[in-house]
C-alpha atoms as a PDB file:
ATOM      1  CA  MET A   1       0.000   0.000   0.000  1.00  0.00           C
ATOM      2  CA  SER A   2       2.854   2.372   0.759  1.00  0.00           C
ATOM      3  CA  THR A   3       4.345   1.782  -2.685  1.00  0.00           C
ATOM      4  CA  LEU A   4       0.963   2.374  -4.327  1.00  0.00           C
ATOM      5  CA  PHE A   5       0.507   5.572  -2.341  1.00  0.00           C
ATOM      6  CA  LEU A   6       4.005   6.852  -3.184  1.00  0.00           C
ATOM      7  CA  THR A   7       3.461   6.139  -6.879  1.00  0.00           C
ATOM      8  CA  SER A   8       0.116   7.949  -6.962  1.00  0.00           C
ATOM      9  CA  TYR A   9       1.545  10.830  -4.917  1.00  0.00           C
ATOM     10  CA  VAL A  10       4.459  11.339  -7.315  1.00  0.00           C
ATOM     11  CA  ILE A  11       2.199  11.132 -10.390  1.00  0.00           C
ATOM     12  CA  TYR A  12      -0.299  13.579  -8.877  1.00  0.00           C
ATOM     13  CA  HIS A  13       2.335  16.168  -7.933  1.00  0.00           C
ATOM     14  CA  ALA A  14       4.172  15.769 -11.235  1.00  0.00           C
ATOM     15  CA  ASN A  15       0.950  16.787 -12.979  1.00  0.00           C
ATOM     16  CA  THR A  16      -0.370  19.453 -10.592  1.00  0.00           C
ATOM     17  CA  GLY A  17       2.711  20.866  -8.884  1.00  0.00           C
ATOM     18  CA  SER A  18       2.934  21.887  -5.263  1.00  0.00           C
ATOM     19  CA  ARG A  19       0.999  24.330  -3.139  1.00  0.00           C
ATOM     20  CA  PRO A  20       2.593  26.735  -0.662  1.00  0.00           C
ATOM     21  CA  PHE A  21       1.254  26.686   2.884  1.00  0.00           C
ATOM     22  CA  PRO A  22      -1.028  29.738   3.246  1.00  0.00           C
ATOM     23  CA  GLY A  23      -1.154  29.824   7.064  1.00  0.00           C
ATOM     24  CA  ALA A  24       0.555  32.535   9.069  1.00  0.00           C
ATOM     25  CA  GLY A  25       1.765  32.926  12.617  1.00  0.00           C
ATOM     26  CA  PRO A  26       2.356  30.027  15.026  1.00  0.00           C
ATOM     27  CA  VAL A  27       0.438  27.508  12.885  1.00  0.00           C
ATOM     28  CA  ARG A  28       3.058  27.982  10.170  1.00  0.00           C
ATOM     29  CA  TYR A  29       5.808  26.816  12.555  1.00  0.00           C
ATOM     30  CA  VAL A  30       3.693  23.846  13.624  1.00  0.00           C
ATOM     31  CA  TYR A  31       3.037  22.913   9.991  1.00  0.00           C
ATOM     32  CA  PHE A  32       6.687  23.095   8.944  1.00  0.00           C
ATOM     33  CA  SER A  33       7.845  21.201  12.059  1.00  0.00           C
ATOM     34  CA  ILE A  34       5.463  18.390  11.225  1.00  0.00           C
ATOM     35  CA  LEU A  35       6.317  18.514   7.513  1.00  0.00           C
ATOM     36  CA  ILE A  36      10.088  18.426   8.033  1.00  0.00           C
ATOM     37  CA  SER A  37       9.930  15.538  10.509  1.00  0.00           C
ATOM     38  CA  HIS A  38       7.529  13.708   8.178  1.00  0.00           C
ATOM     39  CA  VAL A  39       9.791  14.060   5.135  1.00  0.00           C
ATOM     40  CA  LEU A  40      12.992  13.100   6.963  1.00  0.00           C
ATOM     41  CA  LEU A  41      11.423  10.043   8.578  1.00  0.00           C
ATOM     42  CA  ALA A  42       9.681   9.052   5.323  1.00  0.00           C
ATOM     43  CA  ILE A  43      13.095   8.929   3.688  1.00  0.00           C
ATOM     44  CA  THR A  44      14.462   6.925   6.610  1.00  0.00           C
ATOM     45  CA  ILE A  45      11.575   4.462   6.688  1.00  0.00           C
ATOM     46  CA  VAL A  46      12.196   3.130   3.170  1.00  0.00           C
ATOM     47  CA  PRO A  47      15.419   1.226   3.936  1.00  0.00           C
ATOM     48  CA  LEU A  48      14.155   0.303   7.406  1.00  0.00           C
ATOM     49  CA  ALA A  49      10.998  -1.254   5.969  1.00  0.00           C
ATOM     50  CA  LEU A  50      12.936  -3.130   3.307  1.00  0.00           C
ATOM     51  CA  VAL A  51      15.413  -4.551   5.832  1.00  0.00           C
ATOM     52  CA  THR A  52      12.604  -5.423   8.252  1.00  0.00           C
ATOM     53  CA  ALA A  53      10.631  -7.238   5.551  1.00  0.00           C
ATOM     54  CA  ARG A  54      13.722  -9.036   4.281  1.00  0.00           C
ATOM     55  CA  ARG A  55      14.634 -10.314   7.716  1.00  0.00           C
ATOM     56  CA  GLY A  56      11.088 -11.484   8.339  1.00  0.00           C
ATOM     57  CA  LEU A  57      10.828 -13.257   4.988  1.00  0.00           C
ATOM     58  CA  ARG A  58      14.171 -14.978   5.579  1.00  0.00           C
ATOM     59  CA  ALA A  59      12.972 -16.187   8.995  1.00  0.00           C
ATOM     60  CA  GLN A  60      15.656 -14.186  10.820  1.00  0.00           C
ATOM     61  CA  TYR A  61      13.117 -13.439  13.522  1.00  0.00           C
ATOM     62  CA  ASP A  62      15.500 -12.315  16.257  1.00  0.00           C
ATOM     63  CA  ARG A  63      17.058  -9.729  13.909  1.00  0.00           C
ATOM     64  CA  HIS A  64      13.627  -8.889  12.461  1.00  0.00           C
ATOM     65  CA  VAL A  65      12.173  -8.044  15.862  1.00  0.00           C
ATOM     66  CA  LYS A  66      15.130  -5.822  16.775  1.00  0.00           C
ATOM     67  CA  ILE A  67      14.612  -3.554  13.776  1.00  0.00           C
ATOM     68  CA  ALA A  68      10.812  -3.866  13.673  1.00  0.00           C
ATOM     69  CA  ARG A  69      10.680  -2.217  17.121  1.00  0.00           C
ATOM     70  CA  TRP A  70      11.930   0.932  15.408  1.00  0.00           C
ATOM     71  CA  THR A  71      10.320   0.484  12.011  1.00  0.00           C
ATOM     72  CA  LEU A  72       6.694   0.159  13.111  1.00  0.00           C
ATOM     73  CA  PRO A  73       6.487   3.282  15.318  1.00  0.00           C
ATOM     74  CA  LEU A  74       8.342   5.360  12.737  1.00  0.00           C
ATOM     75  CA  TRP A  75       6.111   4.092   9.934  1.00  0.00           C
ATOM     76  CA  LEU A  76       3.009   4.875  12.008  1.00  0.00           C
ATOM     77  CA  TYR A  77       4.330   8.382  12.702  1.00  0.00           C
ATOM     78  CA  VAL A  78       4.990   8.963   9.000  1.00  0.00           C
ATOM     79  CA  SER A  79       1.517   7.677   8.126  1.00  0.00           C
ATOM     80  CA  VAL A  80      -0.273   9.880  10.660  1.00  0.00           C
ATOM     81  CA  THR A  81       1.764  13.010   9.973  1.00  0.00           C
ATOM     82  CA  GLY A  82       1.138  12.569   6.245  1.00  0.00           C
ATOM     83  CA  VAL A  83      -2.585  12.828   6.906  1.00  0.00           C
ATOM     84  CA  VAL A  84      -2.031  15.800   9.235  1.00  0.00           C
ATOM     85  CA  VAL A  85       0.053  17.623   6.608  1.00  0.00           C
ATOM     86  CA  TYR A  86      -2.636  16.966   3.983  1.00  0.00           C
ATOM     87  CA  TRP A  87      -5.365  18.180   6.339  1.00  0.00           C
ATOM     88  CA  MET A  88      -3.482  21.341   7.259  1.00  0.00           C
ATOM     89  CA  LEU A  89      -2.617  22.181   3.652  1.00  0.00           C
ATOM     90  CA  TYR A  90      -5.882  21.319   1.885  1.00  0.00           C
ATOM     91  CA  ARG A  91      -8.623  21.316   4.542  1.00  0.00           C
ATOM     92  CA  LEU A  92      -7.548  23.786   7.231  1.00  0.00           C
ATOM     93  CA  TYR A  93      -6.751  26.325   4.495  1.00  0.00           C
ATOM     94  CA  PRO A  94      -8.791  25.317   1.430  1.00  0.00           C
ATOM     95  CA  ALA A  95      -8.060  26.914  -1.927  1.00  0.00           C
ATOM     96  CA  PRO A  96     -10.101  30.062  -2.561  1.00  0.00           C
END
């Protein structure tokens, strides 16, 4: 599902471009804090997820569990903050 989402996200933004955040004041700092942490951890989660899946599929369960303890919470954070970023950009400040 993550791969499908990433593919659709890239195709969508390649065709429509990006939108600047229209909020001002403290909410702008909140938005960019969430966005920056989301992007950095989204980049980090790709190799973590691949290594975690590989270890699980190869039945290296002791090594799988060690990395999965980090992978799952980070992946959940990236998933939730992605929705929050979308909500703040497109719903909190809808296009005029």
